[in-house]
Protein backbone atom coordinates (compact mmCIF):
# COMPACT_ATOMS: atom_id res chain seq x y z
CA HIS A 1 -18.87 81.26 45.87
CA VAL A 2 -16.01 79.33 44.11
CA GLN A 3 -16.25 78.49 40.37
CA LEU A 4 -15.11 74.93 39.12
CA VAL A 5 -15.27 73.39 35.96
CA GLU A 6 -14.33 69.90 35.34
CA SER A 7 -12.84 68.42 32.29
CA GLY A 8 -10.99 64.82 31.35
CA GLY A 9 -13.90 62.47 31.73
CA GLY A 10 -14.44 59.88 29.17
CA LEU A 11 -14.55 56.18 28.14
CA VAL A 12 -11.59 53.93 29.33
CA GLN A 13 -11.39 50.39 29.44
CA PRO A 14 -10.84 48.19 32.68
CA GLY A 15 -7.18 48.36 34.23
CA GLY A 16 -6.75 51.83 32.03
CA SER A 17 -6.13 55.58 33.71
CA LEU A 18 -7.75 58.79 33.35
CA ARG A 19 -6.76 62.27 34.98
CA LEU A 20 -9.64 64.77 35.79
CA SER A 21 -8.84 68.29 35.96
CA CYS A 22 -10.93 71.14 37.74
CA ALA A 23 -10.36 74.89 37.14
CA ALA A 24 -11.02 76.98 40.05
CA SER A 25 -11.57 80.55 40.55
CA GLY A 26 -10.40 80.36 43.89
CA TRP A 27 -9.23 78.05 46.67
CA THR A 28 -11.14 77.05 50.11
CA ASP A 29 -9.95 75.50 52.70
CA CYS A 30 -10.88 72.04 51.42
CA MET A 31 -11.32 70.98 47.87
CA GLY A 32 -11.95 67.27 46.43
CA TRP A 33 -13.95 65.07 44.15
CA PHE A 34 -17.34 63.46 44.57
CA ARG A 35 -18.82 61.01 42.21
CA GLN A 36 -22.45 59.71 41.39
CA ALA A 37 -23.08 56.46 39.93
CA LEU A 38 -26.72 56.02 38.15
CA GLY A 39 -29.19 55.16 40.77
CA GLU A 40 -26.85 55.96 43.55
CA GLU A 41 -26.17 58.39 45.96
CA ARG A 42 -23.19 60.98 45.55
CA GLU A 43 -20.12 59.53 47.47
CA GLY A 44 -16.83 61.40 48.52
CA VAL A 45 -13.76 60.20 46.59
CA ALA A 46 -10.86 62.18 47.42
CA ALA A 47 -10.24 65.47 49.22
CA LEU A 48 -7.09 67.80 50.48
CA SER A 49 -6.62 70.35 52.92
CA THR A 50 -5.35 73.55 51.24
CA ARG A 51 -4.28 74.53 54.87
CA ASP A 52 -2.00 71.63 55.81
CA GLY A 53 -2.11 69.56 52.69
CA ASN A 54 -3.62 66.54 54.09
CA LEU A 55 -5.13 64.20 51.75
CA LEU A 56 -8.03 61.92 52.50
CA TYR A 57 -9.73 58.95 50.18
CA ALA A 58 -12.32 56.95 50.14
CA ASP A 59 -11.35 53.40 50.61
CA SER A 60 -12.72 52.35 47.50
CA VAL A 61 -10.15 54.27 45.63
CA LYS A 62 -7.15 54.09 47.80
CA GLY A 63 -4.01 53.16 46.47
CA ARG A 64 -5.50 53.85 42.83
CA PHE A 65 -6.68 57.50 42.77
CA THR A 66 -4.53 60.65 43.55
CA ILE A 67 -5.62 63.98 44.09
CA SER A 68 -3.50 67.02 43.68
CA ARG A 69 -3.47 70.44 42.93
CA ASP A 70 -1.49 73.18 41.24
CA ASN A 71 -1.64 76.46 43.15
CA ALA A 72 -0.10 78.71 40.25
CA LYS A 73 -2.71 77.33 37.82
CA ASN A 74 -5.61 77.08 40.18
CA MET A 75 -6.22 73.62 39.14
CA VAL A 76 -7.22 70.29 40.81
CA TYR A 77 -6.55 67.12 39.35
CA LEU A 78 -7.90 63.58 40.26
CA GLN A 79 -5.50 61.05 38.98
CA MET A 80 -7.33 57.58 38.20
CA ASN A 81 -5.38 54.57 37.81
CA SER A 82 -6.43 50.83 37.57
CA LEU A 83 -9.75 51.85 36.87
CA LYS A 84 -12.77 49.42 37.48
CA PRO A 85 -16.21 49.11 35.87
CA GLU A 86 -17.48 50.11 39.53
CA ASP A 87 -15.86 53.44 39.09
CA THR A 88 -18.03 54.70 36.25
CA ALA A 89 -19.76 57.47 37.48
CA VAL A 90 -20.21 61.27 37.11
CA TYR A 91 -17.47 62.63 38.63
CA TYR A 92 -17.55 66.47 40.39
CA CYS A 93 -15.16 68.75 41.89
CA VAL A 94 -16.25 70.07 45.31
CA SER A 95 -15.09 73.08 47.16
CA ALA A 96 -16.21 73.59 50.92
CA PRO A 97 -18.62 74.41 51.91
CA ASN A 98 -21.01 74.25 48.87
CA GLY A 99 -19.03 74.84 45.55
CA TRP A 100 -20.01 72.26 42.99
CA GLY A 101 -18.95 71.79 39.33
CA GLN A 102 -20.89 70.78 36.70
CA GLY A 103 -19.47 67.22 36.26
CA THR A 104 -17.83 65.28 34.08
CA GLN A 105 -18.66 61.34 33.20
CA VAL A 106 -16.47 58.80 33.47
CA THR A 107 -17.21 55.26 31.83
CA VAL A 108 -15.11 52.22 32.37
CA SER A 109 -16.25 49.45 29.99
């Protein structure tokens, strides 16, 4: 079971940027980010395959968010640019099949 710890959330103005970090105790085949806005269901934001490097993004964040990893540091990142109020949510680092971090709040206002 991979342990995941997120950091980097906060308050940012519309159009601003944030970078979320996820410290992982290990790697699984697929790692990524989900988010959950207040009163909404969790949705997938971005994912990467650690086998072949394929990346996947939700349509709502394509062109604005970038997922990446640092193998040497066991870190996964989510660079978020051109943030919008609708990006406000708790962001979770995830590792397939069932690893979840505790979440970090991102507020765009």
